[in-house]
All heavy atoms as atom14 arrays in JSON, in Angstrom:
{
  "sequence": "KGRFTISRDNDKNTVYLQMNSLRPEDTAVYYCAASFRSSNY",
  "atom14_mask": [
    [1, 1, 1, 1, 1, 1, 1, 1, 1, 0, 0, 0, 0, 0],
    [1, 1, 1, 1, 0, 0, 0, 0, 0, 0, 0, 0, 0, 0],
    [1, 1, 1, 1, 1, 1, 1, 1, 1, 1, 1, 0, 0, 0],
    [1, 1, 1, 1, 1, 1, 1, 1, 1, 1, 1, 0, 0, 0],
    [1, 1, 1, 1, 1, 1, 1, 0, 0, 0, 0, 0, 0, 0],
    [1, 1, 1, 1, 1, 1, 1, 1, 0, 0, 0, 0, 0, 0],
    [1, 1, 1, 1, 1, 1, 0, 0, 0, 0, 0, 0, 0, 0],
    [1, 1, 1, 1, 1, 1, 1, 1, 1, 1, 1, 0, 0, 0],
    [1, 1, 1, 1, 1, 1, 1, 1, 0, 0, 0, 0, 0, 0],
    [1, 1, 1, 1, 1, 1, 1, 1, 0, 0, 0, 0, 0, 0],
    [1, 1, 1, 1, 1, 1, 1, 1, 0, 0, 0, 0, 0, 0],
    [1, 1, 1, 1, 1, 1, 1, 1, 1, 0, 0, 0, 0, 0],
    [1, 1, 1, 1, 1, 1, 1, 1, 0, 0, 0, 0, 0, 0],
    [1, 1, 1, 1, 1, 1, 1, 0, 0, 0, 0, 0, 0, 0],
    [1, 1, 1, 1, 1, 1, 1, 0, 0, 0, 0, 0, 0, 0],
    [1, 1, 1, 1, 1, 1, 1, 1, 1, 1, 1, 1, 0, 0],
    [1, 1, 1, 1, 1, 1, 1, 1, 0, 0, 0, 0, 0, 0],
    [1, 1, 1, 1, 1, 1, 1, 1, 1, 0, 0, 0, 0, 0],
    [1, 1, 1, 1, 1, 1, 1, 1, 0, 0, 0, 0, 0, 0],
    [1, 1, 1, 1, 1, 1, 1, 1, 0, 0, 0, 0, 0, 0],
    [1, 1, 1, 1, 1, 1, 0, 0, 0, 0, 0, 0, 0, 0],
    [1, 1, 1, 1, 1, 1, 1, 1, 0, 0, 0, 0, 0, 0],
    [1, 1, 1, 1, 1, 1, 1, 1, 1, 1, 1, 0, 0, 0],
    [1, 1, 1, 1, 1, 1, 1, 0, 0, 0, 0, 0, 0, 0],
    [1, 1, 1, 1, 1, 1, 1, 1, 1, 0, 0, 0, 0, 0],
    [1, 1, 1, 1, 1, 1, 1, 1, 0, 0, 0, 0, 0, 0],
    [1, 1, 1, 1, 1, 1, 1, 0, 0, 0, 0, 0, 0, 0],
    [1, 1, 1, 1, 1, 0, 0, 0, 0, 0, 0, 0, 0, 0],
    [1, 1, 1, 1, 1, 1, 1, 0, 0, 0, 0, 0, 0, 0],
    [1, 1, 1, 1, 1, 1, 1, 1, 1, 1, 1, 1, 0, 0],
    [1, 1, 1, 1, 1, 1, 1, 1, 1, 1, 1, 1, 0, 0],
    [1, 1, 1, 1, 1, 1, 0, 0, 0, 0, 0, 0, 0, 0],
    [1, 1, 1, 1, 1, 0, 0, 0, 0, 0, 0, 0, 0, 0],
    [1, 1, 1, 1, 1, 0, 0, 0, 0, 0, 0, 0, 0, 0],
    [1, 1, 1, 1, 1, 1, 0, 0, 0, 0, 0, 0, 0, 0],
    [1, 1, 1, 1, 1, 1, 1, 1, 1, 1, 1, 0, 0, 0],
    [1, 1, 1, 1, 1, 1, 1, 1, 1, 1, 1, 0, 0, 0],
    [1, 1, 1, 1, 1, 1, 0, 0, 0, 0, 0, 0, 0, 0],
    [1, 1, 1, 1, 1, 1, 0, 0, 0, 0, 0, 0, 0, 0],
    [1, 1, 1, 1, 1, 1, 1, 1, 0, 0, 0, 0, 0, 0],
    [1, 1, 1, 1, 1, 1, 1, 1, 1, 1, 1, 1, 0, 0]
  ],
  "atom14_positions": [
    [[88.82, 98.64, 98.03], [87.82, 98.22, 97.03], [88.46, 97.5, 95.85], [89.46, 97.95, 95.35], [87.08, 99.45, 96.52], [86.05, 99.97, 97.52], [85.23, 101.11, 96.9], [84.2, 101.61, 97.88], [83.42, 102.77, 97.35], [0.0, 0.0, 0.0], [0.0, 0.0, 0.0], [0.0, 0.0, 0.0], [0.0, 0.0, 0.0], [0.0, 0.0, 0.0]],
    [[87.88, 96.38, 95.49], [88.4, 95.61, 94.38], [89.46, 94.58, 94.85], [89.81, 93.68, 94.0], [0.0, 0.0, 0.0], [0.0, 0.0, 0.0], [0.0, 0.0, 0.0], [0.0, 0.0, 0.0], [0.0, 0.0, 0.0], [0.0, 0.0, 0.0], [0.0, 0.0, 0.0], [0.0, 0.0, 0.0], [0.0, 0.0, 0.0], [0.0, 0.0, 0.0]],
    [[89.97, 94.71, 96.02], [90.98, 93.78, 96.48], [90.51, 92.95, 97.7], [90.88, 91.77, 97.78], [92.25, 94.58, 96.97], [92.87, 95.38, 95.86], [94.24, 95.94, 96.34], [94.04, 96.88, 97.44], [94.66, 96.71, 98.61], [95.44, 95.72, 98.87], [94.44, 97.65, 99.6], [0.0, 0.0, 0.0], [0.0, 0.0, 0.0], [0.0, 0.0, 0.0]],
    [[89.69, 93.51, 98.54], [89.19, 92.81, 99.72], [87.73, 92.45, 99.53], [86.94, 93.2, 98.91], [89.35, 93.65, 100.97], [90.74, 93.9, 101.43], [91.85, 93.56, 100.66], [90.97, 94.47, 102.65], [93.13, 93.78, 101.09], [92.23, 94.73, 103.08], [93.32, 94.39, 102.29], [0.0, 0.0, 0.0], [0.0, 0.0, 0.0], [0.0, 0.0, 0.0]],
    [[87.3, 91.35, 100.12], [85.9, 90.94, 100.08], [85.5, 90.45, 101.45], [86.12, 89.59, 102.06], [85.66, 89.78, 99.07], [86.05, 90.23, 97.8], [84.19, 89.48, 99.04], [0.0, 0.0, 0.0], [0.0, 0.0, 0.0], [0.0, 0.0, 0.0], [0.0, 0.0, 0.0], [0.0, 0.0, 0.0], [0.0, 0.0, 0.0], [0.0, 0.0, 0.0]],
    [[84.44, 91.04, 102.0], [83.88, 90.61, 103.27], [82.71, 89.73, 103.04], [81.91, 89.94, 102.12], [83.54, 91.85, 104.14], [83.13, 91.38, 105.58], [82.41, 92.68, 103.54], [83.0, 92.55, 106.56], [0.0, 0.0, 0.0], [0.0, 0.0, 0.0], [0.0, 0.0, 0.0], [0.0, 0.0, 0.0], [0.0, 0.0, 0.0], [0.0, 0.0, 0.0]],
    [[82.57, 88.7, 103.85], [81.42, 87.8, 103.76], [81.1, 87.28, 105.16], [81.93, 87.44, 106.1], [81.74, 86.67, 102.79], [82.86, 85.87, 103.21], [0.0, 0.0, 0.0], [0.0, 0.0, 0.0], [0.0, 0.0, 0.0], [0.0, 0.0, 0.0], [0.0, 0.0, 0.0], [0.0, 0.0, 0.0], [0.0, 0.0, 0.0], [0.0, 0.0, 0.0]],
    [[79.99, 86.64, 105.27], [79.66, 86.1, 106.59], [78.84, 84.8, 106.41], [78.18, 84.57, 105.41], [78.81, 87.11, 107.4], [77.49, 87.51, 106.79], [76.89, 88.7, 107.53], [76.45, 88.36, 108.86], [76.05, 89.26, 109.76], [76.11, 90.54, 109.49], [75.67, 88.84, 111.01], [0.0, 0.0, 0.0], [0.0, 0.0, 0.0], [0.0, 0.0, 0.0]],
    [[78.93, 83.99, 107.4], [78.2, 82.75, 107.48], [77.46, 82.75, 108.82], [78.04, 82.5, 109.87], [79.11, 81.51, 107.39], [78.37, 80.23, 107.32], [77.22, 80.14, 107.81], [78.96, 79.25, 106.79], [0.0, 0.0, 0.0], [0.0, 0.0, 0.0], [0.0, 0.0, 0.0], [0.0, 0.0, 0.0], [0.0, 0.0, 0.0], [0.0, 0.0, 0.0]],
    [[76.23, 83.11, 108.78], [75.43, 83.28, 110.0], [75.25, 81.98, 110.73], [75.14, 81.96, 111.98], [74.06, 83.9, 109.67], [74.15, 85.31, 109.2], [75.08, 86.06, 109.59], [73.22, 85.74, 108.35], [0.0, 0.0, 0.0], [0.0, 0.0, 0.0], [0.0, 0.0, 0.0], [0.0, 0.0, 0.0], [0.0, 0.0, 0.0], [0.0, 0.0, 0.0]],
    [[75.22, 80.85, 110.02], [75.09, 79.58, 110.7], [76.26, 79.24, 111.52], [76.2, 78.5, 112.49], [74.83, 78.47, 109.67], [73.47, 78.57, 109.0], [72.58, 79.2, 109.61], [73.33, 78.03, 107.89], [0.0, 0.0, 0.0], [0.0, 0.0, 0.0], [0.0, 0.0, 0.0], [0.0, 0.0, 0.0], [0.0, 0.0, 0.0], [0.0, 0.0, 0.0]],
    [[77.43, 79.73, 111.13], [78.69, 79.53, 111.84], [79.07, 80.74, 112.72], [80.13, 80.66, 113.35], [79.8, 79.21, 110.89], [79.58, 77.93, 110.07], [80.77, 77.68, 109.12], [80.57, 76.43, 108.31], [81.7, 76.15, 107.38], [0.0, 0.0, 0.0], [0.0, 0.0, 0.0], [0.0, 0.0, 0.0], [0.0, 0.0, 0.0], [0.0, 0.0, 0.0]],
    [[78.29, 81.74, 112.74], [78.6, 82.96, 113.51], [79.95, 83.49, 113.17], [80.74, 83.91, 114.03], [78.49, 82.7, 115.01], [77.15, 82.14, 115.41], [76.13, 82.71, 115.06], [77.12, 81.12, 116.23], [0.0, 0.0, 0.0], [0.0, 0.0, 0.0], [0.0, 0.0, 0.0], [0.0, 0.0, 0.0], [0.0, 0.0, 0.0], [0.0, 0.0, 0.0]],
    [[80.25, 83.51, 111.88], [81.58, 83.84, 111.44], [81.57, 84.87, 110.3], [80.65, 84.88, 109.44], [82.29, 82.57, 110.9], [82.39, 81.61, 111.96], [83.75, 82.89, 110.47], [0.0, 0.0, 0.0], [0.0, 0.0, 0.0], [0.0, 0.0, 0.0], [0.0, 0.0, 0.0], [0.0, 0.0, 0.0], [0.0, 0.0, 0.0], [0.0, 0.0, 0.0]],
    [[82.52, 85.79, 110.38], [82.73, 86.77, 109.32], [84.12, 86.61, 108.73], [85.02, 86.33, 109.53], [82.45, 88.17, 109.78], [83.43, 88.61, 110.89], [82.51, 89.21, 108.65], [0.0, 0.0, 0.0], [0.0, 0.0, 0.0], [0.0, 0.0, 0.0], [0.0, 0.0, 0.0], [0.0, 0.0, 0.0], [0.0, 0.0, 0.0], [0.0, 0.0, 0.0]],
    [[84.28, 86.78, 107.48], [85.53, 86.58, 106.82], [85.97, 87.85, 106.11], [85.18, 88.68, 105.73], [85.45, 85.48, 105.72], [84.94, 84.13, 106.29], [83.59, 83.83, 106.2], [85.78, 83.22, 106.86], [83.07, 82.58, 106.67], [85.34, 82.01, 107.33], [83.99, 81.73, 107.21], [83.5, 80.56, 107.71], [0.0, 0.0, 0.0], [0.0, 0.0, 0.0]],
    [[87.26, 87.96, 105.9], [87.82, 89.01, 105.12], [88.86, 88.42, 104.19], [89.92, 88.05, 104.6], [88.39, 90.15, 105.91], [88.93, 91.34, 105.12], [87.73, 92.08, 104.49], [89.74, 92.3, 106.01], [0.0, 0.0, 0.0], [0.0, 0.0, 0.0], [0.0, 0.0, 0.0], [0.0, 0.0, 0.0], [0.0, 0.0, 0.0], [0.0, 0.0, 0.0]],
    [[88.53, 88.28, 102.91], [89.46, 87.83, 101.91], [90.24, 88.98, 101.43], [89.66, 89.97, 100.89], [88.71, 87.14, 100.75], [89.57, 86.62, 99.62], [90.5, 85.52, 100.07], [90.07, 84.6, 100.74], [91.77, 85.57, 99.67], [0.0, 0.0, 0.0], [0.0, 0.0, 0.0], [0.0, 0.0, 0.0], [0.0, 0.0, 0.0], [0.0, 0.0, 0.0]],
    [[91.54, 88.92, 101.55], [92.46, 90.03, 101.2], [93.35, 89.6, 100.05], [94.25, 88.71, 100.27], [93.23, 90.53, 102.43], [92.36, 90.91, 103.6], [93.38, 91.63, 104.93], [94.3, 90.14, 105.39], [0.0, 0.0, 0.0], [0.0, 0.0, 0.0], [0.0, 0.0, 0.0], [0.0, 0.0, 0.0], [0.0, 0.0, 0.0], [0.0, 0.0, 0.0]],
    [[93.18, 90.19, 98.93], [94.0, 89.82, 97.78], [94.86, 91.06, 97.42], [94.63, 92.17, 97.78], [93.14, 89.46, 96.57], [92.32, 88.19, 96.8], [92.7, 87.34, 97.5], [91.11, 88.17, 96.16], [0.0, 0.0, 0.0], [0.0, 0.0, 0.0], [0.0, 0.0, 0.0], [0.0, 0.0, 0.0], [0.0, 0.0, 0.0], [0.0, 0.0, 0.0]],
    [[95.91, 90.77, 96.59], [96.81, 91.79, 96.15], [97.28, 92.71, 97.24], [97.24, 93.92, 97.2], [96.12, 92.64, 95.06], [95.69, 91.86, 94.02], [0.0, 0.0, 0.0], [0.0, 0.0, 0.0], [0.0, 0.0, 0.0], [0.0, 0.0, 0.0], [0.0, 0.0, 0.0], [0.0, 0.0, 0.0], [0.0, 0.0, 0.0], [0.0, 0.0, 0.0]],
    [[97.8, 92.08, 98.33], [98.17, 92.87, 99.54], [99.34, 93.73, 99.27], [100.24, 93.42, 98.45], [98.46, 91.89, 100.67], [97.19, 91.29, 101.34], [97.56, 90.09, 102.18], [96.54, 92.36, 102.22], [0.0, 0.0, 0.0], [0.0, 0.0, 0.0], [0.0, 0.0, 0.0], [0.0, 0.0, 0.0], [0.0, 0.0, 0.0], [0.0, 0.0, 0.0]],
    [[99.34, 94.83, 99.93], [100.39, 95.89, 99.8], [100.98, 96.2, 101.13], [100.35, 95.97, 102.15], [99.8, 97.19, 99.19], [99.03, 97.01, 97.89], [98.21, 98.24, 97.58], [97.42, 98.12, 96.35], [96.46, 98.88, 96.01], [96.12, 99.94, 96.75], [95.87, 98.7, 94.81], [0.0, 0.0, 0.0], [0.0, 0.0, 0.0], [0.0, 0.0, 0.0]],
    [[102.19, 96.73, 101.16], [102.79, 97.06, 102.44], [101.92, 98.0, 103.29], [101.9, 97.88, 104.54], [104.15, 97.72, 102.08], [104.48, 97.05, 100.75], [103.15, 96.87, 100.07], [0.0, 0.0, 0.0], [0.0, 0.0, 0.0], [0.0, 0.0, 0.0], [0.0, 0.0, 0.0], [0.0, 0.0, 0.0], [0.0, 0.0, 0.0], [0.0, 0.0, 0.0]],
    [[101.2, 98.88, 102.66], [100.36, 99.8, 103.38], [99.18, 99.15, 103.99], [98.45, 99.78, 104.78], [99.92, 100.98, 102.46], [99.28, 100.53, 101.18], [100.29, 100.56, 99.98], [101.43, 100.09, 100.18], [99.88, 101.0, 98.89], [0.0, 0.0, 0.0], [0.0, 0.0, 0.0], [0.0, 0.0, 0.0], [0.0, 0.0, 0.0], [0.0, 0.0, 0.0]],
    [[98.93, 97.88, 103.75], [97.88, 97.11, 104.42], [98.32, 96.59, 105.75], [97.55, 96.02, 106.53], [97.42, 95.96, 103.55], [96.75, 96.37, 102.27], [95.93, 97.35, 102.32], [96.98, 95.78, 101.17], [0.0, 0.0, 0.0], [0.0, 0.0, 0.0], [0.0, 0.0, 0.0], [0.0, 0.0, 0.0], [0.0, 0.0, 0.0], [0.0, 0.0, 0.0]],
    [[99.61, 96.73, 106.04], [100.14, 96.25, 107.33], [99.49, 96.93, 108.48], [99.45, 98.16, 108.55], [101.63, 96.46, 107.36], [102.3, 95.69, 106.37], [102.19, 96.06, 108.73], [0.0, 0.0, 0.0], [0.0, 0.0, 0.0], [0.0, 0.0, 0.0], [0.0, 0.0, 0.0], [0.0, 0.0, 0.0], [0.0, 0.0, 0.0], [0.0, 0.0, 0.0]],
    [[98.91, 96.18, 109.36], [98.18, 96.7, 110.52], [97.69, 95.59, 111.38], [97.77, 94.42, 111.02], [96.97, 97.52, 110.07], [0.0, 0.0, 0.0], [0.0, 0.0, 0.0], [0.0, 0.0, 0.0], [0.0, 0.0, 0.0], [0.0, 0.0, 0.0], [0.0, 0.0, 0.0], [0.0, 0.0, 0.0], [0.0, 0.0, 0.0], [0.0, 0.0, 0.0]],
    [[97.21, 95.93, 112.56], [96.42, 95.03, 113.36], [95.01, 95.09, 112.91], [94.45, 96.16, 112.86], [96.57, 95.24, 114.89], [95.72, 94.31, 115.7], [98.08, 95.16, 115.32], [0.0, 0.0, 0.0], [0.0, 0.0, 0.0], [0.0, 0.0, 0.0], [0.0, 0.0, 0.0], [0.0, 0.0, 0.0], [0.0, 0.0, 0.0], [0.0, 0.0, 0.0]],
    [[94.46, 93.93, 112.57], [93.07, 93.9, 112.09], [92.18, 93.37, 113.2], [92.42, 92.36, 113.9], [92.98, 92.98, 110.88], [93.49, 93.6, 109.62], [94.87, 93.82, 109.46], [92.64, 94.01, 108.6], [95.34, 94.4, 108.33], [93.1, 94.61, 107.46], [94.46, 94.82, 107.31], [94.98, 95.37, 106.17], [0.0, 0.0, 0.0], [0.0, 0.0, 0.0]],
    [[91.07, 94.15, 113.43], [90.15, 93.87, 114.51], [88.76, 93.52, 113.94], [88.25, 94.16, 113.03], [89.99, 95.05, 115.46], [91.23, 95.42, 116.17], [92.12, 96.41, 115.62], [91.56, 94.91, 117.41], [93.27, 96.77, 116.26], [92.69, 95.28, 118.08], [93.53, 96.23, 117.51], [94.73, 96.57, 118.18], [0.0, 0.0, 0.0], [0.0, 0.0, 0.0]],
    [[88.17, 92.51, 114.48], [86.8, 92.16, 114.16], [85.88, 92.83, 115.08], [86.18, 92.99, 116.29], [86.65, 90.63, 114.28], [84.97, 90.02, 114.0], [0.0, 0.0, 0.0], [0.0, 0.0, 0.0], [0.0, 0.0, 0.0], [0.0, 0.0, 0.0], [0.0, 0.0, 0.0], [0.0, 0.0, 0.0], [0.0, 0.0, 0.0], [0.0, 0.0, 0.0]],
    [[84.76, 93.32, 114.61], [83.78, 93.97, 115.41], [82.39, 93.43, 115.0], [82.14, 93.11, 113.85], [83.81, 95.47, 115.26], [0.0, 0.0, 0.0], [0.0, 0.0, 0.0], [0.0, 0.0, 0.0], [0.0, 0.0, 0.0], [0.0, 0.0, 0.0], [0.0, 0.0, 0.0], [0.0, 0.0, 0.0], [0.0, 0.0, 0.0], [0.0, 0.0, 0.0]],
    [[81.49, 93.46, 115.99], [80.13, 92.94, 115.7], [79.16, 93.58, 116.71], [79.54, 93.89, 117.85], [80.06, 91.46, 115.79], [0.0, 0.0, 0.0], [0.0, 0.0, 0.0], [0.0, 0.0, 0.0], [0.0, 0.0, 0.0], [0.0, 0.0, 0.0], [0.0, 0.0, 0.0], [0.0, 0.0, 0.0], [0.0, 0.0, 0.0], [0.0, 0.0, 0.0]],
    [[77.98, 93.71, 116.29], [76.9, 94.25, 117.14], [75.92, 93.07, 117.5], [75.63, 92.2, 116.68], [76.12, 95.34, 116.52], [75.47, 94.9, 115.33], [0.0, 0.0, 0.0], [0.0, 0.0, 0.0], [0.0, 0.0, 0.0], [0.0, 0.0, 0.0], [0.0, 0.0, 0.0], [0.0, 0.0, 0.0], [0.0, 0.0, 0.0], [0.0, 0.0, 0.0]],
    [[75.5, 93.1, 118.72], [74.58, 92.1, 119.23], [73.82, 92.65, 120.4], [74.39, 93.1, 121.4], [75.32, 90.81, 119.65], [74.44, 89.73, 120.18], [73.5, 89.08, 119.39], [74.6, 89.33, 121.51], [72.71, 88.13, 119.87], [73.77, 88.36, 122.03], [72.82, 87.75, 121.21], [0.0, 0.0, 0.0], [0.0, 0.0, 0.0], [0.0, 0.0, 0.0]],
    [[72.48, 92.65, 120.33], [71.66, 93.14, 121.35], [72.06, 94.55, 121.85], [72.22, 94.78, 123.02], [71.6, 92.16, 122.51], [70.96, 90.84, 122.17], [70.85, 89.94, 123.37], [70.11, 88.72, 123.09], [69.89, 87.75, 123.96], [70.33, 87.85, 125.22], [69.25, 86.66, 123.57], [0.0, 0.0, 0.0], [0.0, 0.0, 0.0], [0.0, 0.0, 0.0]],
    [[72.16, 95.43, 120.88], [72.51, 96.83, 121.15], [73.87, 97.11, 121.75], [74.15, 98.19, 122.2], [71.41, 97.46, 122.02], [70.16, 97.38, 121.47], [0.0, 0.0, 0.0], [0.0, 0.0, 0.0], [0.0, 0.0, 0.0], [0.0, 0.0, 0.0], [0.0, 0.0, 0.0], [0.0, 0.0, 0.0], [0.0, 0.0, 0.0], [0.0, 0.0, 0.0]],
    [[74.7, 96.09, 121.73], [76.1, 96.24, 122.23], [77.07, 95.93, 121.18], [76.79, 95.18, 120.21], [76.31, 95.28, 123.38], [75.54, 95.62, 124.51], [0.0, 0.0, 0.0], [0.0, 0.0, 0.0], [0.0, 0.0, 0.0], [0.0, 0.0, 0.0], [0.0, 0.0, 0.0], [0.0, 0.0, 0.0], [0.0, 0.0, 0.0], [0.0, 0.0, 0.0]],
    [[78.23, 96.56, 121.19], [79.29, 96.36, 120.25], [80.39, 95.51, 120.9], [80.79, 95.77, 122.04], [79.9, 97.66, 119.78], [78.86, 98.49, 119.02], [78.09, 97.99, 118.24], [78.83, 99.79, 119.24], [0.0, 0.0, 0.0], [0.0, 0.0, 0.0], [0.0, 0.0, 0.0], [0.0, 0.0, 0.0], [0.0, 0.0, 0.0], [0.0, 0.0, 0.0]],
    [[80.88, 94.57, 120.13], [81.94, 93.71, 120.65], [83.17, 93.73, 119.73], [83.02, 93.94, 118.51], [81.43, 92.24, 120.73], [80.27, 92.09, 121.67], [78.98, 92.29, 121.28], [80.51, 91.81, 123.01], [77.92, 92.2, 122.15], [79.44, 91.68, 123.93], [78.18, 91.87, 123.45], [77.09, 91.78, 124.33], [0.0, 0.0, 0.0], [0.0, 0.0, 0.0]]
  ]
}
């Protein structure tokens, strides 16, 4: 909170994650997830 911002552009079918002030503890594999027609992707 206060460092990351999530946003989406429905016209582009895209979601973004702006990550500021990154720290070593943020190191990870980041996965995108979405729901569509009662299914998770």
